[in-house]
Amino acid sequence: RAAERMAERHGRGDLLAGLDLTGQDDGVAVALMELAR
């Protein structure tokens, strides 16, 4: 739920340090956050 909410509410450039997710959908962002976690 945390990954989904962050994907919904944060700017794509402020989800993971040094990684620009601009243009990526929530599924990609969530998957990368889960991997980092």
All heavy atoms as atom14 arrays in JSON, in Angstrom:
{
  "sequence": "RAAERMAERHGRGDLLAGLDLTGQDDGVAVALMELAR",
  "atom14_mask": [
    [1, 1, 1, 1, 1, 1, 1, 1, 1, 1, 1, 0, 0, 0],
    [1, 1, 1, 1, 1, 0, 0, 0, 0, 0, 0, 0, 0, 0],
    [1, 1, 1, 1, 1, 0, 0, 0, 0, 0, 0, 0, 0, 0],
    [1, 1, 1, 1, 1, 1, 1, 1, 1, 0, 0, 0, 0, 0],
    [1, 1, 1, 1, 1, 1, 1, 1, 1, 1, 1, 0, 0, 0],
    [1, 1, 1, 1, 1, 1, 1, 1, 0, 0, 0, 0, 0, 0],
    [1, 1, 1, 1, 1, 0, 0, 0, 0, 0, 0, 0, 0, 0],
    [1, 1, 1, 1, 1, 1, 1, 1, 1, 0, 0, 0, 0, 0],
    [1, 1, 1, 1, 1, 1, 1, 1, 1, 1, 1, 0, 0, 0],
    [1, 1, 1, 1, 1, 1, 1, 1, 1, 1, 0, 0, 0, 0],
    [1, 1, 1, 1, 0, 0, 0, 0, 0, 0, 0, 0, 0, 0],
    [1, 1, 1, 1, 1, 1, 1, 1, 1, 1, 1, 0, 0, 0],
    [1, 1, 1, 1, 0, 0, 0, 0, 0, 0, 0, 0, 0, 0],
    [1, 1, 1, 1, 1, 1, 1, 1, 0, 0, 0, 0, 0, 0],
    [1, 1, 1, 1, 1, 1, 1, 1, 0, 0, 0, 0, 0, 0],
    [1, 1, 1, 1, 1, 1, 1, 1, 0, 0, 0, 0, 0, 0],
    [1, 1, 1, 1, 1, 0, 0, 0, 0, 0, 0, 0, 0, 0],
    [1, 1, 1, 1, 0, 0, 0, 0, 0, 0, 0, 0, 0, 0],
    [1, 1, 1, 1, 1, 1, 1, 1, 0, 0, 0, 0, 0, 0],
    [1, 1, 1, 1, 1, 1, 1, 1, 0, 0, 0, 0, 0, 0],
    [1, 1, 1, 1, 1, 1, 1, 1, 0, 0, 0, 0, 0, 0],
    [1, 1, 1, 1, 1, 1, 1, 0, 0, 0, 0, 0, 0, 0],
    [1, 1, 1, 1, 0, 0, 0, 0, 0, 0, 0, 0, 0, 0],
    [1, 1, 1, 1, 1, 1, 1, 1, 1, 0, 0, 0, 0, 0],
    [1, 1, 1, 1, 1, 1, 1, 1, 0, 0, 0, 0, 0, 0],
    [1, 1, 1, 1, 1, 1, 1, 1, 0, 0, 0, 0, 0, 0],
    [1, 1, 1, 1, 0, 0, 0, 0, 0, 0, 0, 0, 0, 0],
    [1, 1, 1, 1, 1, 1, 1, 0, 0, 0, 0, 0, 0, 0],
    [1, 1, 1, 1, 1, 0, 0, 0, 0, 0, 0, 0, 0, 0],
    [1, 1, 1, 1, 1, 1, 1, 0, 0, 0, 0, 0, 0, 0],
    [1, 1, 1, 1, 1, 0, 0, 0, 0, 0, 0, 0, 0, 0],
    [1, 1, 1, 1, 1, 1, 1, 1, 0, 0, 0, 0, 0, 0],
    [1, 1, 1, 1, 1, 1, 1, 1, 0, 0, 0, 0, 0, 0],
    [1, 1, 1, 1, 1, 1, 1, 1, 1, 0, 0, 0, 0, 0],
    [1, 1, 1, 1, 1, 1, 1, 1, 0, 0, 0, 0, 0, 0],
    [1, 1, 1, 1, 1, 0, 0, 0, 0, 0, 0, 0, 0, 0],
    [1, 1, 1, 1, 1, 1, 1, 1, 1, 1, 1, 0, 0, 0]
  ],
  "atom14_positions": [
    [[0.83, -1.2, 0.0], [0.0, 0.0, 0.0], [0.87, 1.26, 0.0], [0.55, 2.25, -0.64], [-0.92, 0.01, 1.22], [-1.94, -1.12, 1.23], [-3.05, -0.83, 2.23], [-2.52, -0.61, 3.57], [-2.28, -1.59, 4.44], [-2.48, -2.85, 4.08], [-1.82, -1.33, 5.65], [0.0, 0.0, 0.0], [0.0, 0.0, 0.0], [0.0, 0.0, 0.0]],
    [[1.99, 1.19, 0.72], [2.89, 2.35, 0.77], [3.45, 2.65, -0.61], [3.51, 3.8, -1.04], [4.04, 2.08, 1.75], [0.0, 0.0, 0.0], [0.0, 0.0, 0.0], [0.0, 0.0, 0.0], [0.0, 0.0, 0.0], [0.0, 0.0, 0.0], [0.0, 0.0, 0.0], [0.0, 0.0, 0.0], [0.0, 0.0, 0.0], [0.0, 0.0, 0.0]],
    [[3.87, 1.6, -1.33], [4.41, 1.8, -2.68], [3.37, 2.4, -3.6], [3.64, 3.32, -4.38], [4.93, 0.48, -3.23], [0.0, 0.0, 0.0], [0.0, 0.0, 0.0], [0.0, 0.0, 0.0], [0.0, 0.0, 0.0], [0.0, 0.0, 0.0], [0.0, 0.0, 0.0], [0.0, 0.0, 0.0], [0.0, 0.0, 0.0], [0.0, 0.0, 0.0]],
    [[2.14, 1.89, -3.52], [1.07, 2.4, -4.39], [0.76, 3.86, -4.07], [0.58, 4.67, -4.98], [-0.17, 1.53, -4.21], [0.0, 0.11, -4.76], [-1.14, -0.8, -4.37], [-2.05, -0.32, -3.66], [-1.12, -1.97, -4.75], [0.0, 0.0, 0.0], [0.0, 0.0, 0.0], [0.0, 0.0, 0.0], [0.0, 0.0, 0.0], [0.0, 0.0, 0.0]],
    [[0.7, 4.19, -2.78], [0.38, 5.57, -2.41], [1.48, 6.52, -2.83], [1.22, 7.64, -3.29], [0.15, 5.66, -0.9], [-1.16, 5.03, -0.46], [-1.29, 5.01, 1.04], [-2.53, 4.36, 1.46], [-2.8, 4.05, 2.71], [-1.95, 4.32, 3.67], [-3.95, 3.46, 3.02], [0.0, 0.0, 0.0], [0.0, 0.0, 0.0], [0.0, 0.0, 0.0]],
    [[2.72, 6.09, -2.67], [3.82, 6.96, -3.09], [3.8, 7.16, -4.6], [4.06, 8.26, -5.09], [5.15, 6.38, -2.63], [5.38, 6.48, -1.14], [7.04, 5.99, -0.66], [8.0, 7.31, -1.37], [0.0, 0.0, 0.0], [0.0, 0.0, 0.0], [0.0, 0.0, 0.0], [0.0, 0.0, 0.0], [0.0, 0.0, 0.0], [0.0, 0.0, 0.0]],
    [[3.5, 6.11, -5.34], [3.43, 6.24, -6.79], [2.32, 7.21, -7.19], [2.45, 7.98, -8.15], [3.21, 4.88, -7.43], [0.0, 0.0, 0.0], [0.0, 0.0, 0.0], [0.0, 0.0, 0.0], [0.0, 0.0, 0.0], [0.0, 0.0, 0.0], [0.0, 0.0, 0.0], [0.0, 0.0, 0.0], [0.0, 0.0, 0.0], [0.0, 0.0, 0.0]],
    [[1.23, 7.19, -6.44], [0.1, 8.06, -6.75], [0.39, 9.51, -6.39], [0.0, 10.43, -7.1], [-1.14, 7.6, -5.97], [-1.71, 6.27, -6.45], [-2.8, 5.77, -5.51], [-3.06, 6.44, -4.49], [-3.38, 4.72, -5.78], [0.0, 0.0, 0.0], [0.0, 0.0, 0.0], [0.0, 0.0, 0.0], [0.0, 0.0, 0.0], [0.0, 0.0, 0.0]],
    [[1.12, 9.75, -5.29], [1.16, 11.08, -4.71], [2.47, 11.81, -4.92], [2.5, 13.04, -4.85], [0.86, 11.0, -3.21], [-0.45, 10.28, -2.91], [-0.74, 10.33, -1.43], [-1.23, 11.65, -1.06], [-2.5, 11.9, -0.79], [-3.4, 10.96, -0.85], [-2.88, 13.12, -0.44], [0.0, 0.0, 0.0], [0.0, 0.0, 0.0], [0.0, 0.0, 0.0]],
    [[3.57, 11.1, -5.15], [4.85, 11.77, -5.33], [5.11, 12.07, -6.79], [4.62, 11.38, -7.68], [5.99, 10.87, -4.82], [6.18, 10.93, -3.34], [7.16, 11.68, -2.76], [5.52, 10.32, -2.33], [7.1, 11.53, -1.45], [6.12, 10.7, -1.18], [0.0, 0.0, 0.0], [0.0, 0.0, 0.0], [0.0, 0.0, 0.0], [0.0, 0.0, 0.0]],
    [[5.94, 13.07, -7.02], [6.43, 13.32, -8.37], [7.32, 12.16, -8.78], [8.03, 11.58, -7.97], [0.0, 0.0, 0.0], [0.0, 0.0, 0.0], [0.0, 0.0, 0.0], [0.0, 0.0, 0.0], [0.0, 0.0, 0.0], [0.0, 0.0, 0.0], [0.0, 0.0, 0.0], [0.0, 0.0, 0.0], [0.0, 0.0, 0.0], [0.0, 0.0, 0.0]],
    [[7.31, 11.82, -10.06], [8.07, 10.66, -10.53], [9.58, 10.83, -10.3], [10.31, 9.86, -10.23], [7.8, 10.42, -12.01], [6.43, 9.77, -12.27], [6.42, 8.37, -11.65], [5.13, 7.72, -11.9], [4.09, 7.84, -11.1], [4.17, 8.59, -10.02], [2.97, 7.2, -11.38], [0.0, 0.0, 0.0], [0.0, 0.0, 0.0], [0.0, 0.0, 0.0]],
    [[10.05, 12.06, -10.22], [11.47, 12.27, -10.0], [11.87, 12.21, -8.54], [13.01, 12.42, -8.21], [0.0, 0.0, 0.0], [0.0, 0.0, 0.0], [0.0, 0.0, 0.0], [0.0, 0.0, 0.0], [0.0, 0.0, 0.0], [0.0, 0.0, 0.0], [0.0, 0.0, 0.0], [0.0, 0.0, 0.0], [0.0, 0.0, 0.0], [0.0, 0.0, 0.0]],
    [[10.92, 11.94, -7.66], [11.22, 11.97, -6.22], [10.76, 10.69, -5.54], [10.29, 10.69, -4.42], [10.54, 13.18, -5.57], [11.01, 13.39, -4.14], [12.2, 13.16, -3.89], [10.18, 13.74, -3.29], [0.0, 0.0, 0.0], [0.0, 0.0, 0.0], [0.0, 0.0, 0.0], [0.0, 0.0, 0.0], [0.0, 0.0, 0.0], [0.0, 0.0, 0.0]],
    [[10.9, 9.56, -6.21], [10.52, 8.27, -5.63], [11.74, 7.47, -5.22], [11.75, 6.82, -4.18], [9.68, 7.47, -6.63], [8.27, 7.97, -6.87], [7.63, 7.19, -8.01], [7.43, 7.85, -5.62], [0.0, 0.0, 0.0], [0.0, 0.0, 0.0], [0.0, 0.0, 0.0], [0.0, 0.0, 0.0], [0.0, 0.0, 0.0], [0.0, 0.0, 0.0]],
    [[12.76, 7.49, -6.05], [14.0, 6.76, -5.77], [15.17, 7.66, -6.11], [15.2, 8.3, -7.15], [14.08, 5.48, -6.61], [13.02, 4.41, -6.29], [13.03, 3.33, -7.36], [13.29, 3.79, -4.93], [0.0, 0.0, 0.0], [0.0, 0.0, 0.0], [0.0, 0.0, 0.0], [0.0, 0.0, 0.0], [0.0, 0.0, 0.0], [0.0, 0.0, 0.0]],
    [[16.15, 7.69, -5.21], [17.28, 8.6, -5.39], [18.01, 8.32, -6.69], [18.37, 7.18, -6.99], [18.23, 8.46, -4.22], [0.0, 0.0, 0.0], [0.0, 0.0, 0.0], [0.0, 0.0, 0.0], [0.0, 0.0, 0.0], [0.0, 0.0, 0.0], [0.0, 0.0, 0.0], [0.0, 0.0, 0.0], [0.0, 0.0, 0.0], [0.0, 0.0, 0.0]],
    [[18.22, 9.4, -7.48], [19.02, 9.3, -8.68], [18.35, 8.61, -9.84], [18.98, 8.38, -10.87], [0.0, 0.0, 0.0], [0.0, 0.0, 0.0], [0.0, 0.0, 0.0], [0.0, 0.0, 0.0], [0.0, 0.0, 0.0], [0.0, 0.0, 0.0], [0.0, 0.0, 0.0], [0.0, 0.0, 0.0], [0.0, 0.0, 0.0], [0.0, 0.0, 0.0]],
    [[17.08, 8.27, -9.72], [16.39, 7.54, -10.79], [15.2, 8.35, -11.27], [14.28, 8.64, -10.5], [15.92, 6.17, -10.27], [15.26, 5.25, -11.29], [16.23, 4.92, -12.41], [14.8, 3.97, -10.61], [0.0, 0.0, 0.0], [0.0, 0.0, 0.0], [0.0, 0.0, 0.0], [0.0, 0.0, 0.0], [0.0, 0.0, 0.0], [0.0, 0.0, 0.0]],
    [[15.19, 8.74, -12.52], [14.11, 9.54, -13.09], [13.05, 8.6, -13.65], [13.27, 7.89, -14.62], [14.66, 10.44, -14.19], [13.6, 11.38, -14.75], [12.47, 11.36, -14.22], [13.91, 12.13, -15.69], [0.0, 0.0, 0.0], [0.0, 0.0, 0.0], [0.0, 0.0, 0.0], [0.0, 0.0, 0.0], [0.0, 0.0, 0.0], [0.0, 0.0, 0.0]],
    [[11.88, 8.61, -13.02], [10.78, 7.75, -13.46], [9.75, 8.52, -14.27], [8.63, 8.04, -14.46], [10.11, 7.11, -12.24], [10.99, 6.16, -11.41], [10.2, 5.61, -10.25], [11.53, 5.05, -12.27], [0.0, 0.0, 0.0], [0.0, 0.0, 0.0], [0.0, 0.0, 0.0], [0.0, 0.0, 0.0], [0.0, 0.0, 0.0], [0.0, 0.0, 0.0]],
    [[10.1, 9.72, -14.71], [9.17, 10.51, -15.5], [8.72, 9.72, -16.73], [9.53, 9.16, -17.46], [9.83, 11.82, -15.95], [10.29, 12.52, -14.8], [8.85, 12.68, -16.72], [0.0, 0.0, 0.0], [0.0, 0.0, 0.0], [0.0, 0.0, 0.0], [0.0, 0.0, 0.0], [0.0, 0.0, 0.0], [0.0, 0.0, 0.0], [0.0, 0.0, 0.0]],
    [[7.42, 9.65, -16.94], [6.88, 8.93, -18.07], [6.57, 7.48, -17.8], [5.95, 6.8, -18.62], [0.0, 0.0, 0.0], [0.0, 0.0, 0.0], [0.0, 0.0, 0.0], [0.0, 0.0, 0.0], [0.0, 0.0, 0.0], [0.0, 0.0, 0.0], [0.0, 0.0, 0.0], [0.0, 0.0, 0.0], [0.0, 0.0, 0.0], [0.0, 0.0, 0.0]],
    [[7.01, 6.96, -16.64], [6.73, 5.57, -16.29], [5.38, 5.48, -15.59], [4.97, 6.39, -14.88], [7.83, 5.01, -15.38], [9.22, 5.07, -15.98], [9.35, 4.22, -17.23], [8.7, 3.2, -17.35], [10.2, 4.66, -18.15], [0.0, 0.0, 0.0], [0.0, 0.0, 0.0], [0.0, 0.0, 0.0], [0.0, 0.0, 0.0], [0.0, 0.0, 0.0]],
    [[4.69, 4.37, -15.77], [3.4, 4.22, -15.12], [3.58, 3.72, -13.69], [4.68, 3.38, -13.26], [2.48, 3.3, -15.92], [3.02, 1.87, -16.04], [3.88, 1.49, -15.23], [2.57, 1.14, -16.95], [0.0, 0.0, 0.0], [0.0, 0.0, 0.0], [0.0, 0.0, 0.0], [0.0, 0.0, 0.0], [0.0, 0.0, 0.0], [0.0, 0.0, 0.0]],
    [[2.46, 3.65, -12.95], [2.52, 3.27, -11.55], [3.07, 1.86, -11.38], [3.76, 1.57, -10.4], [1.13, 3.35, -10.91], [0.7, 4.79, -10.65], [1.52, 5.69, -10.91], [-0.43, 4.99, -10.2], [0.0, 0.0, 0.0], [0.0, 0.0, 0.0], [0.0, 0.0, 0.0], [0.0, 0.0, 0.0], [0.0, 0.0, 0.0], [0.0, 0.0, 0.0]],
    [[2.76, 0.96, -12.31], [3.23, -0.42, -12.18], [4.74, -0.51, -12.16], [5.32, -1.23, -11.34], [0.0, 0.0, 0.0], [0.0, 0.0, 0.0], [0.0, 0.0, 0.0], [0.0, 0.0, 0.0], [0.0, 0.0, 0.0], [0.0, 0.0, 0.0], [0.0, 0.0, 0.0], [0.0, 0.0, 0.0], [0.0, 0.0, 0.0], [0.0, 0.0, 0.0]],
    [[5.4, 0.25, -13.02], [6.86, 0.25, -13.06], [7.41, 0.87, -11.77], [8.35, 0.34, -11.15], [7.38, 1.04, -14.28], [8.89, 1.2, -14.22], [6.97, 0.32, -15.57], [0.0, 0.0, 0.0], [0.0, 0.0, 0.0], [0.0, 0.0, 0.0], [0.0, 0.0, 0.0], [0.0, 0.0, 0.0], [0.0, 0.0, 0.0], [0.0, 0.0, 0.0]],
    [[6.83, 1.99, -11.35], [7.3, 2.66, -10.14], [7.16, 1.75, -8.93], [8.07, 1.64, -8.1], [6.53, 3.96, -9.93], [0.0, 0.0, 0.0], [0.0, 0.0, 0.0], [0.0, 0.0, 0.0], [0.0, 0.0, 0.0], [0.0, 0.0, 0.0], [0.0, 0.0, 0.0], [0.0, 0.0, 0.0], [0.0, 0.0, 0.0], [0.0, 0.0, 0.0]],
    [[6.01, 1.1, -8.8], [5.77, 0.21, -7.66], [6.76, -0.96, -7.67], [7.33, -1.32, -6.64], [4.32, -0.31, -7.67], [4.14, -1.44, -6.65], [3.36, 0.83, -7.35], [0.0, 0.0, 0.0], [0.0, 0.0, 0.0], [0.0, 0.0, 0.0], [0.0, 0.0, 0.0], [0.0, 0.0, 0.0], [0.0, 0.0, 0.0], [0.0, 0.0, 0.0]],
    [[6.98, -1.55, -8.84], [7.91, -2.68, -8.93], [9.32, -2.28, -8.52], [10.0, -3.01, -7.79], [7.91, -3.23, -10.36], [0.0, 0.0, 0.0], [0.0, 0.0, 0.0], [0.0, 0.0, 0.0], [0.0, 0.0, 0.0], [0.0, 0.0, 0.0], [0.0, 0.0, 0.0], [0.0, 0.0, 0.0], [0.0, 0.0, 0.0], [0.0, 0.0, 0.0]],
    [[9.77, -1.1, -8.95], [11.11, -0.64, -8.6], [11.2, -0.33, -7.1], [12.23, -0.6, -6.47], [11.48, 0.58, -9.43], [11.74, 0.3, -10.92], [11.92, 1.61, -11.67], [12.98, -0.57, -11.08], [0.0, 0.0, 0.0], [0.0, 0.0, 0.0], [0.0, 0.0, 0.0], [0.0, 0.0, 0.0], [0.0, 0.0, 0.0], [0.0, 0.0, 0.0]],
    [[10.13, 0.23, -6.53], [10.15, 0.5, -5.1], [10.16, -0.78, -4.28], [10.85, -0.89, -3.26], [8.95, 1.38, -4.72], [9.13, 2.84, -5.13], [7.85, 3.91, -4.46], [6.49, 3.5, -5.54], [0.0, 0.0, 0.0], [0.0, 0.0, 0.0], [0.0, 0.0, 0.0], [0.0, 0.0, 0.0], [0.0, 0.0, 0.0], [0.0, 0.0, 0.0]],
    [[9.41, -1.78, -4.72], [9.41, -3.05, -4.03], [10.79, -3.7, -4.1], [11.25, -4.32, -3.13], [8.35, -3.98, -4.62], [6.92, -3.54, -4.3], [5.89, -4.39, -5.01], [6.26, -5.13, -5.94], [4.7, -4.31, -4.63], [0.0, 0.0, 0.0], [0.0, 0.0, 0.0], [0.0, 0.0, 0.0], [0.0, 0.0, 0.0], [0.0, 0.0, 0.0]],
    [[11.45, -3.57, -5.24], [12.8, -4.12, -5.38], [13.77, -3.42, -4.42], [14.58, -4.08, -3.76], [13.27, -3.96, -6.83], [14.63, -4.57, -7.18], [14.58, -6.08, -6.99], [15.01, -4.23, -8.62], [0.0, 0.0, 0.0], [0.0, 0.0, 0.0], [0.0, 0.0, 0.0], [0.0, 0.0, 0.0], [0.0, 0.0, 0.0], [0.0, 0.0, 0.0]],
    [[13.66, -2.1, -4.34], [14.53, -1.35, -3.44], [14.28, -1.73, -1.99], [15.2, -1.83, -1.18], [14.31, 0.16, -3.62], [0.0, 0.0, 0.0], [0.0, 0.0, 0.0], [0.0, 0.0, 0.0], [0.0, 0.0, 0.0], [0.0, 0.0, 0.0], [0.0, 0.0, 0.0], [0.0, 0.0, 0.0], [0.0, 0.0, 0.0], [0.0, 0.0, 0.0]],
    [[13.0, -1.99, -1.65], [12.67, -2.3, -0.26], [13.18, -3.68, 0.17], [13.23, -3.97, 1.37], [11.15, -2.21, -0.06], [10.77, -1.84, 1.37], [9.26, -1.85, 1.57], [8.57, -0.91, 0.71], [8.44, 0.37, 0.98], [8.99, 0.88, 2.06], [7.78, 1.17, 0.15], [0.0, 0.0, 0.0], [0.0, 0.0, 0.0], [0.0, 0.0, 0.0]]
  ]
}
